C-alpha atoms as a PDB file:
ATOM      1  CA  UNK A   1     120.896 124.032  24.006  1.00  0.00           C
ATOM      2  CA  UNK A   2     124.494 124.590  24.328  1.00  0.00           C
ATOM      3  CA  UNK A   3     125.753 123.819  20.673  1.00  0.00           C
ATOM      4  CA  UNK A   4     122.109 125.514  19.734  1.00  0.00           C
ATOM      5  CA  UNK A   5     123.096 128.734  21.473  1.00  0.00           C
ATOM      6  CA  UNK A   6     126.656 128.469  20.228  1.00  0.00           C
ATOM      7  CA  UNK A   7     125.154 128.847  16.830  1.00  0.00           C
ATOM      8  CA  UNK A   8     122.463 131.296  16.947  1.00  0.00           C
ATOM      9  CA  UNK A   9     124.680 133.893  19.531  1.00  0.00           C
ATOM     10  CA  UNK A  10     128.491 132.691  19.074  1.00  0.00           C
ATOM     11  CA  UNK A  11     128.041 132.384  22.247  1.00  0.00           C
ATOM     12  CA  UNK A  12     129.583 129.349  24.370  1.00  0.00           C
ATOM     13  CA  UNK A  13     127.922 128.477  27.687  1.00  0.00           C
ATOM     14  CA  UNK A  14     129.983 125.763  30.241  1.00  0.00           C
ATOM     15  CA  UNK A  15     126.874 124.017  32.450  1.00  0.00           C
ATOM     16  CA  UNK A  16     128.738 122.278  35.710  1.00  0.00           C
ATOM     17  CA  UNK A  17     127.844 121.239  39.214  1.00  0.00           C
ATOM     18  CA  UNK A  18     131.042 120.589  40.226  1.00  0.00           C
ATOM     19  CA  UNK A  19     131.498 123.924  42.611  1.00  0.00           C
ATOM     20  CA  UNK A  20     130.905 124.048  46.223  1.00  0.00           C
ATOM     21  CA  UNK A  21     130.222 127.353  46.150  1.00  0.00           C
ATOM     22  CA  UNK A  22     129.562 130.519  43.570  1.00  0.00           C
ATOM     23  CA  UNK A  23     133.080 131.829  44.430  1.00  0.00           C
ATOM     24  CA  UNK A  24     134.955 128.660  43.185  1.00  0.00           C
ATOM     25  CA  UNK A  25     132.718 128.360  40.459  1.00  0.00           C
ATOM     26  CA  UNK A  26     133.855 132.467  39.532  1.00  0.00           C
ATOM     27  CA  UNK A  27     137.470 131.680  40.427  1.00  0.00           C
ATOM     28  CA  UNK A  28     136.971 128.479  37.616  1.00  0.00           C
ATOM     29  CA  UNK A  29     135.233 131.103  34.716  1.00  0.00           C
ATOM     30  CA  UNK A  30     137.707 134.064  35.507  1.00  0.00           C
ATOM     31  CA  UNK A  31     140.631 131.667  35.083  1.00  0.00           C
ATOM     32  CA  UNK A  32     139.653 131.199  31.774  1.00  0.00           C
ATOM     33  CA  UNK A  33     138.003 133.769  30.221  1.00  0.00           C
ATOM     34  CA  UNK A  34     140.055 137.410  30.579  1.00  0.00           C
ATOM     35  CA  UNK A  35     137.053 139.732  29.674  1.00  0.00           C
ATOM     36  CA  UNK A  36     134.595 139.206  32.621  1.00  0.00           C
ATOM     37  CA  UNK A  37     131.692 140.557  32.476  1.00  0.00           C
ATOM     38  CA  UNK A  38     130.015 141.540  35.356  1.00  0.00           C
ATOM     39  CA  UNK A  39     126.467 142.701  36.784  1.00  0.00           C
ATOM     40  CA  UNK A  40     126.310 146.750  38.487  1.00  0.00           C
ATOM     41  CA  UNK A  41     127.751 146.302  42.037  1.00  0.00           C
ATOM     42  CA  UNK A  42     129.366 143.074  41.752  1.00  0.00           C
ATOM     43  CA  UNK A  43     132.207 142.533  44.217  1.00  0.00           C
ATOM     44  CA  UNK A  44     135.724 142.029  43.088  1.00  0.00           C
ATOM     45  CA  UNK A  45     136.402 138.511  44.614  1.00  0.00           C
ATOM     46  CA  UNK A  46     139.968 138.208  43.650  1.00  0.00           C
ATOM     47  CA  UNK A  47     140.478 140.656  46.623  1.00  0.00           C
ATOM     48  CA  UNK A  48     137.802 139.482  49.646  1.00  0.00           C
ATOM     49  CA  UNK A  49     139.045 135.773  48.793  1.00  0.00           C
ATOM     50  CA  UNK A  50     137.621 132.144  49.590  1.00  0.00           C
ATOM     51  CA  UNK A  51     134.348 132.683  51.601  1.00  0.00           C
ATOM     52  CA  UNK A  52     134.874 130.837  55.229  1.00  0.00           C
ATOM     53  CA  UNK A  53     132.468 128.466  55.093  1.00  0.00           C
ATOM     54  CA  UNK A  54     133.756 126.838  52.192  1.00  0.00           C
ATOM     55  CA  UNK A  55     134.873 123.287  54.244  1.00  0.00           C
ATOM     56  CA  UNK A  56     131.146 123.772  55.534  1.00  0.00           C
ATOM     57  CA  UNK A  57     129.606 123.798  51.598  1.00  0.00           C
ATOM     58  CA  UNK A  58     132.142 121.133  50.659  1.00  0.00           C
ATOM     59  CA  UNK A  59     130.780 119.119  53.501  1.00  0.00           C
ATOM     60  CA  UNK A  60     127.486 119.134  52.442  1.00  0.00           C
ATOM     61  CA  UNK A  61     127.680 118.830  48.764  1.00  0.00           C
ATOM     62  CA  UNK A  62     129.455 115.392  50.234  1.00  0.00           C
ATOM     63  CA  UNK A  63     127.053 114.190  52.169  1.00  0.00           C
ATOM     64  CA  UNK A  64     124.103 115.061  49.510  1.00  0.00           C
ATOM     65  CA  UNK A  65     125.846 113.023  47.031  1.00  0.00           C
ATOM     66  CA  UNK A  66     125.839 109.877  49.509  1.00  0.00           C
ATOM     67  CA  UNK A  67     122.337 110.021  49.856  1.00  0.00           C
ATOM     68  CA  UNK A  68     121.841 110.126  46.242  1.00  0.00           C
ATOM     69  CA  UNK A  69     124.511 107.466  45.269  1.00  0.00           C
ATOM     70  CA  UNK A  70     121.927 105.473  48.901  1.00  0.00           C
ATOM     71  CA  UNK A  71     118.735 106.189  46.495  1.00  0.00           C
ATOM     72  CA  UNK A  72     120.068 105.435  43.271  1.00  0.00           C
ATOM     73  CA  UNK A  73     121.105 102.162  44.844  1.00  0.00           C
ATOM     74  CA  UNK A  74     117.201 101.357  46.272  1.00  0.00           C
ATOM     75  CA  UNK A  75     116.174 102.266  42.899  1.00  0.00           C
ATOM     76  CA  UNK A  76     118.246  99.592  41.519  1.00  0.00           C
ATOM     77  CA  UNK A  77     117.916  96.554  43.979  1.00  0.00           C
ATOM     78  CA  UNK A  78     114.443  97.357  43.791  1.00  0.00           C
ATOM     79  CA  UNK A  79     114.500  96.756  39.973  1.00  0.00           C
ATOM     80  CA  UNK A  80     116.479  93.660  40.307  1.00  0.00           C
ATOM     81  CA  UNK A  81     113.832  92.270  42.511  1.00  0.00           C
ATOM     82  CA  UNK A  82     110.557  93.527  40.048  1.00  0.00           C
ATOM     83  CA  UNK A  83     107.457  91.000  40.888  1.00  0.00           C
ATOM     84  CA  UNK A  84     108.146  88.153  37.633  1.00  0.00           C
ATOM     85  CA  UNK A  85     111.647  87.699  39.224  1.00  0.00           C
ATOM     86  CA  UNK A  86     110.379  87.307  43.097  1.00  0.00           C
ATOM     87  CA  UNK A  87     107.892  85.227  41.891  1.00  0.00           C
ATOM     88  CA  UNK A  88     110.489  82.880  40.328  1.00  0.00           C
ATOM     89  CA  UNK A  89     112.510  83.057  43.121  1.00  0.00           C
ATOM     90  CA  UNK A  90     109.441  82.310  45.474  1.00  0.00           C
ATOM     91  CA  UNK A  91     108.138  79.335  43.030  1.00  0.00           C
ATOM     92  CA  UNK A  92     111.928  77.718  43.518  1.00  0.00           C
ATOM     93  CA  UNK A  93     111.630  77.924  47.327  1.00  0.00           C
ATOM     94  CA  UNK A  94     108.563  76.908  47.343  1.00  0.00           C
ATOM     95  CA  UNK A  95     109.678  73.674  46.053  1.00  0.00           C
ATOM     96  CA  UNK A  96     112.902  72.910  47.887  1.00  0.00           C
ATOM     97  CA  UNK A  97     110.482  73.054  50.869  1.00  0.00           C
ATOM     98  CA  UNK A  98     107.906  70.717  49.621  1.00  0.00           C
ATOM     99  CA  UNK A  99     110.935  68.010  48.573  1.00  0.00           C
ATOM    100  CA  UNK A 100     113.115  68.424  51.882  1.00  0.00           C
ATOM    101  CA  UNK A 101     109.548  68.327  54.200  1.00  0.00           C
ATOM    102  CA  UNK A 102     110.042  71.774  55.366  1.00  0.00           C
ATOM    103  CA  UNK A 103     107.126  72.299  57.920  1.00  0.00           C
ATOM    104  CA  UNK A 104     108.825  75.353  60.577  1.00  0.00           C
ATOM    105  CA  UNK A 105     111.509  78.298  60.006  1.00  0.00           C
ATOM    106  CA  UNK A 106     113.851  76.831  61.893  1.00  0.00           C
ATOM    107  CA  UNK A 107     113.793  73.835  59.900  1.00  0.00           C
ATOM    108  CA  UNK A 108     114.394  76.078  56.441  1.00  0.00           C
ATOM    109  CA  UNK A 109     117.349  78.465  58.401  1.00  0.00           C
ATOM    110  CA  UNK A 110     119.743  75.617  59.360  1.00  0.00           C
ATOM    111  CA  UNK A 111     119.135  74.010  55.394  1.00  0.00           C
ATOM    112  CA  UNK A 112     120.429  77.629  54.276  1.00  0.00           C
ATOM    113  CA  UNK A 113     123.236  76.945  57.064  1.00  0.00           C
ATOM    114  CA  UNK A 114     124.156  73.359  55.574  1.00  0.00           C
ATOM    115  CA  UNK A 115     124.030  74.781  51.878  1.00  0.00           C
ATOM    116  CA  UNK A 116     126.310  77.686  52.808  1.00  0.00           C
ATOM    117  CA  UNK A 117     128.611  76.522  53.882  1.00  0.00           C
ATOM    118  CA  UNK A 118     128.915  73.835  50.863  1.00  0.00           C
ATOM    119  CA  UNK A 119     129.220  76.694  49.274  1.00  0.00           C
ATOM    120  CA  UNK A 120     125.313  77.207  48.401  1.00  0.00           C
ATOM    121  CA  UNK A 121     124.651  80.883  49.197  1.00  0.00           C
ATOM    122  CA  UNK A 122     121.074  81.311  47.488  1.00  0.00           C
ATOM    123  CA  UNK A 123     119.189  80.374  49.873  1.00  0.00           C
ATOM    124  CA  UNK A 124     120.449  82.004  52.611  1.00  0.00           C
ATOM    125  CA  UNK A 125     120.687  85.274  50.628  1.00  0.00           C
ATOM    126  CA  UNK A 126     116.691  85.001  49.900  1.00  0.00           C
ATOM    127  CA  UNK A 127     115.775  84.898  54.031  1.00  0.00           C
ATOM    128  CA  UNK A 128     118.833  86.952  54.593  1.00  0.00           C
ATOM    129  CA  UNK A 129     116.488  89.203  52.151  1.00  0.00           C
ATOM    130  CA  UNK A 130     113.069  89.107  53.551  1.00  0.00           C
ATOM    131  CA  UNK A 131     111.207  89.206  57.005  1.00  0.00           C
ATOM    132  CA  UNK A 132     110.647  86.369  59.466  1.00  0.00           C
ATOM    133  CA  UNK A 133     106.935  86.286  59.108  1.00  0.00           C
ATOM    134  CA  UNK A 134     107.379  86.781  54.680  1.00  0.00           C
ATOM    135  CA  UNK A 135     108.858  83.556  55.049  1.00  0.00           C
ATOM    136  CA  UNK A 136     107.154  81.581  57.667  1.00  0.00           C
ATOM    137  CA  UNK A 137     103.294  82.566  55.507  1.00  0.00           C
ATOM    138  CA  UNK A 138     105.851  81.288  52.606  1.00  0.00           C
ATOM    139  CA  UNK A 139     105.609  77.782  54.204  1.00  0.00           C
ATOM    140  CA  UNK A 140     102.608  77.828  55.604  1.00  0.00           C
ATOM    141  CA  UNK A 141     101.335  78.636  52.032  1.00  0.00           C
ATOM    142  CA  UNK A 142     103.450  75.679  50.012  1.00  0.00           C
ATOM    143  CA  UNK A 143     101.948  73.245  52.295  1.00  0.00           C
ATOM    144  CA  UNK A 144      98.904  74.471  52.014  1.00  0.00           C
ATOM    145  CA  UNK A 145      98.726  74.863  48.125  1.00  0.00           C
ATOM    146  CA  UNK A 146     100.324  71.089  48.878  1.00  0.00           C
ATOM    147  CA  UNK A 147      97.174  69.264  50.029  1.00  0.00           C
ATOM    148  CA  UNK A 148      94.033  71.916  48.134  1.00  0.00           C
ATOM    149  CA  UNK A 149      93.650  69.042  46.382  1.00  0.00           C
ATOM    150  CA  UNK A 150      93.321  66.769  49.153  1.00  0.00           C
ATOM    151  CA  UNK A 151      90.734  68.968  51.417  1.00  0.00           C
ATOM    152  CA  UNK A 152      88.842  69.594  48.411  1.00  0.00           C
ATOM    153  CA  UNK A 153      88.098  65.828  47.596  1.00  0.00           C
ATOM    154  CA  UNK A 154      88.356  64.408  51.785  1.00  0.00           C
ATOM    155  CA  UNK A 155      85.075  67.424  52.174  1.00  0.00           C
ATOM    156  CA  UNK A 156      83.117  65.815  49.334  1.00  0.00           C
ATOM    157  CA  UNK A 157      83.478  62.123  51.636  1.00  0.00           C
ATOM    158  CA  UNK A 158      81.073  61.780  54.151  1.00  0.00           C
ATOM    159  CA  UNK A 159      81.661  61.413  57.960  1.00  0.00           C
ATOM    160  CA  UNK A 160      81.215  56.938  57.242  1.00  0.00           C
ATOM    161  CA  UNK A 161      83.511  56.976  54.037  1.00  0.00           C
ATOM    162  CA  UNK A 162      85.854  59.128  56.053  1.00  0.00           C
ATOM    163  CA  UNK A 163      85.548  56.157  59.175  1.00  0.00           C
ATOM    164  CA  UNK A 164      86.437  53.224  56.758  1.00  0.00           C
ATOM    165  CA  UNK A 165      89.424  54.670  54.894  1.00  0.00           C
ATOM    166  CA  UNK A 166      90.762  54.940  58.492  1.00  0.00           C
ATOM    167  CA  UNK A 167      89.867  51.810  58.672  1.00  0.00           C
ATOM    168  CA  UNK A 168      91.641  50.551  56.025  1.00  0.00           C
ATOM    169  CA  UNK A 169      94.910  53.090  55.896  1.00  0.00           C
ATOM    170  CA  UNK A 170      97.639  52.857  58.427  1.00  0.00           C
ATOM    171  CA  UNK A 171      97.103  52.710  61.641  1.00  0.00           C
ATOM    172  CA  UNK A 172      97.980  55.249  64.400  1.00  0.00           C
ATOM    173  CA  UNK A 173     101.621  54.888  65.425  1.00  0.00           C
ATOM    174  CA  UNK A 174     101.881  52.564  69.110  1.00  0.00           C
ATOM    175  CA  UNK A 175      98.534  51.348  68.332  1.00  0.00           C
ATOM    176  CA  UNK A 176      99.510  47.696  66.158  1.00  0.00           C
ATOM    177  CA  UNK A 177      95.386  47.854  65.946  1.00  0.00           C
ATOM    178  CA  UNK A 178      95.366  46.517  69.369  1.00  0.00           C
ATOM    179  CA  UNK A 179      92.679  49.331  70.404  1.00  0.00           C
ATOM    180  CA  UNK A 180      89.605  47.248  69.208  1.00  0.00           C
ATOM    181  CA  UNK A 181      90.898  43.885  71.634  1.00  0.00           C
ATOM    182  CA  UNK A 182      90.886  47.215  74.748  1.00  0.00           C
ATOM    183  CA  UNK A 183      87.886  49.022  73.122  1.00  0.00           C
ATOM    184  CA  UNK A 184      85.904  45.605  73.535  1.00  0.00           C
ATOM    185  CA  UNK A 185      87.236  44.812  77.191  1.00  0.00           C
ATOM    186  CA  UNK A 186      86.123  48.619  78.542  1.00  0.00           C
ATOM    187  CA  UNK A 187      82.325  47.987  76.838  1.00  0.00           C
ATOM    188  CA  UNK A 188      82.475  44.318  78.356  1.00  0.00           C
ATOM    189  CA  UNK A 189      83.811  45.826  81.714  1.00  0.00           C
ATOM    190  CA  UNK A 190      80.911  48.754  81.420  1.00  0.00           C
ATOM    191  CA  UNK A 191      78.222  46.285  80.220  1.00  0.00           C
ATOM    192  CA  UNK A 192      77.758  47.516  76.753  1.00  0.00           C
ATOM    193  CA  UNK A 193      77.128  45.791  74.533  1.00  0.00           C
ATOM    194  CA  UNK A 194      79.609  46.798  70.978  1.00  0.00           C
ATOM    195  CA  UNK A 195      76.716  46.050  68.494  1.00  0.00           C
ATOM    196  CA  UNK A 196      74.964  48.594  70.605  1.00  0.00           C
ATOM    197  CA  UNK A 197      78.226  51.445  70.971  1.00  0.00           C
ATOM    198  CA  UNK A 198      78.844  51.458  67.383  1.00  0.00           C
ATOM    199  CA  UNK A 199      75.895  51.862  66.277  1.00  0.00           C
ATOM    200  CA  UNK A 200      75.318  55.030  67.924  1.00  0.00           C
ATOM    201  CA  UNK A 201      78.353  56.120  66.750  1.00  0.00           C
ATOM    202  CA  UNK A 202      76.942  55.682  63.498  1.00  0.00           C
ATOM    203  CA  UNK A 203      74.005  57.113  63.386  1.00  0.00           C
ATOM    204  CA  UNK A 204      75.701  59.679  64.516  1.00  0.00           C
ATOM    205  CA  UNK A 205      78.286  60.298  61.576  1.00  0.00           C
ATOM    206  CA  UNK A 206      75.466  59.647  59.040  1.00  0.00           C
ATOM    207  CA  UNK A 207      72.858  61.791  60.778  1.00  0.00           C
ATOM    208  CA  UNK A 208      74.880  64.453  62.119  1.00  0.00           C
ATOM    209  CA  UNK A 209      74.011  66.181  65.361  1.00  0.00           C
ATOM    210  CA  UNK A 210      69.928  66.010  66.679  1.00  0.00           C
ATOM    211  CA  UNK A 211      68.053  65.037  69.426  1.00  0.00           C
ATOM    212  CA  UNK A 212      67.909  61.639  70.719  1.00  0.00           C
ATOM    213  CA  UNK A 213      71.576  61.637  68.633  1.00  0.00           C
ATOM    214  CA  UNK A 214      74.128  62.146  71.356  1.00  0.00           C
ATOM    215  CA  UNK A 215      75.873  60.295  72.495  1.00  0.00           C
ATOM    216  CA  UNK A 216      77.601  61.035  76.636  1.00  0.00           C
ATOM    217  CA  UNK A 217      79.828  58.181  78.370  1.00  0.00           C
ATOM    218  CA  UNK A 218      78.994  58.412  81.952  1.00  0.00           C
ATOM    219  CA  UNK A 219      81.880  57.558  84.774  1.00  0.00           C
ATOM    220  CA  UNK A 220      84.863  58.042  87.208  1.00  0.00           C
ATOM    221  CA  UNK A 221      87.674  58.959  85.615  1.00  0.00           C
ATOM    222  CA  UNK A 222      89.898  56.599  85.001  1.00  0.00           C
ATOM    223  CA  UNK A 223      87.304  54.454  83.326  1.00  0.00           C
ATOM    224  CA  UNK A 224      87.845  54.763  79.654  1.00  0.00           C
ATOM    225  CA  UNK A 225      85.579  57.006  78.690  1.00  0.00           C
ATOM    226  CA  UNK A 226      88.517  59.333  76.620  1.00  0.00           C
ATOM    227  CA  UNK A 227      90.115  55.734  75.197  1.00  0.00           C
ATOM    228  CA  UNK A 228      86.720  55.095  73.464  1.00  0.00           C
ATOM    229  CA  UNK A 229      86.679  58.290  71.885  1.00  0.00           C
ATOM    230  CA  UNK A 230      90.622  58.626  71.081  1.00  0.00           C
ATOM    231  CA  UNK A 231      90.427  57.591  67.401  1.00  0.00           C
ATOM    232  CA  UNK A 232      87.746  60.133  66.710  1.00  0.00           C
ATOM    233  CA  UNK A 233      90.677  62.821  66.662  1.00  0.00           C
ATOM    234  CA  UNK A 234      92.731  60.118  64.189  1.00  0.00           C
ATOM    235  CA  UNK A 235      89.814  59.942  62.041  1.00  0.00           C
ATOM    236  CA  UNK A 236      88.959  63.457  61.315  1.00  0.00           C
ATOM    237  CA  UNK A 237      89.647  67.170  61.766  1.00  0.00           C
ATOM    238  CA  UNK A 238      88.268  67.422  65.351  1.00  0.00           C
ATOM    239  CA  UNK A 239      87.950  70.560  67.271  1.00  0.00           C
ATOM    240  CA  UNK A 240      88.989  69.752  71.582  1.00  0.00           C
ATOM    241  CA  UNK A 241      88.029  71.175  74.017  1.00  0.00           C
ATOM    242  CA  UNK A 242      86.814  74.609  73.630  1.00  0.00           C
ATOM    243  CA  UNK A 243      88.222  77.455  76.094  1.00  0.00           C
ATOM    244  CA  UNK A 244      85.978  79.094  78.733  1.00  0.00           C
ATOM    245  CA  UNK A 245      86.042  82.592  77.486  1.00  0.00           C
ATOM    246  CA  UNK A 246      84.039  84.498  74.897  1.00  0.00           C
ATOM    247  CA  UNK A 247      86.309  82.994  71.952  1.00  0.00           C
ATOM    248  CA  UNK A 248      85.809  79.623  72.582  1.00  0.00           C
ATOM    249  CA  UNK A 249      84.290  78.586  69.329  1.00  0.00           C
ATOM    250  CA  UNK A 250      85.942  80.662  67.286  1.00  0.00           C
ATOM    251  CA  UNK A 251      87.074  78.659  64.148  1.00  0.00           C
ATOM    252  CA  UNK A 252      84.933  74.940  65.008  1.00  0.00           C
ATOM    253  CA  UNK A 253      83.632  75.718  61.825  1.00  0.00           C
ATOM    254  CA  UNK A 254      86.317  74.717  60.140  1.00  0.00           C
ATOM    255  CA  UNK A 255      86.505  71.015  61.660  1.00  0.00           C
ATOM    256  CA  UNK A 256      84.765  68.042  60.340  1.00  0.00           C
ATOM    257  CA  UNK A 257      83.564  67.178  64.128  1.00  0.00           C
ATOM    258  CA  UNK A 258      83.475  68.742  67.371  1.00  0.00           C
ATOM    259  CA  UNK A 259      84.661  66.466  70.649  1.00  0.00           C
ATOM    260  CA  UNK A 260      84.297  67.767  73.812  1.00  0.00           C
END
């Protein structure tokens, strides 16, 4: 536009935003042009002098400039963290979580601090730029993805298949396959034949809940009732001892067995 005015009208128009107020702009123009055209009634600013509010104007412009720079910096940071880049960072951290068996937020913080002391600050920067909730959700989602196919395959199995897999697999810590001997002793002391007890459980596992298929153990405290059914918690995703309020059974449908 400046060149167009010069070519069409022979007038050079200068634009500037480096002035605090009209007075400083006027002084700058009149310094370069001795024949300035004034509008009717325009005061002689050379006689009036600089306005008293010049310091206030200068401070206001400085603050506005800082705010503008801050907004520009935020935009640049937002551009840096585009969805694609955020996704790549999440994938890298997710791989780190599985490789280091990170199951909780605190452990991830500890590993980040260890790496930071070794001069590797990427993980620490990742965590510090995100909320605690976002990082915890990433950890949870990582393990849900890791176990997704296993959970799908497990849902295709019958209860008896799960029991057989548990029998052929590793024993729970501290058992050393001694539970079966102790269970036989508990049943013998209570005059219950092991075949009768196991047949009742097998029918329940095979056919599911229904009339005349309830297994109820009755006895005094410390007689082994809980002990006999504890393996259910190791073999199945079990919903145990629901609360006694209106939310008692919330989440029960996500489990394979209810054990009360």
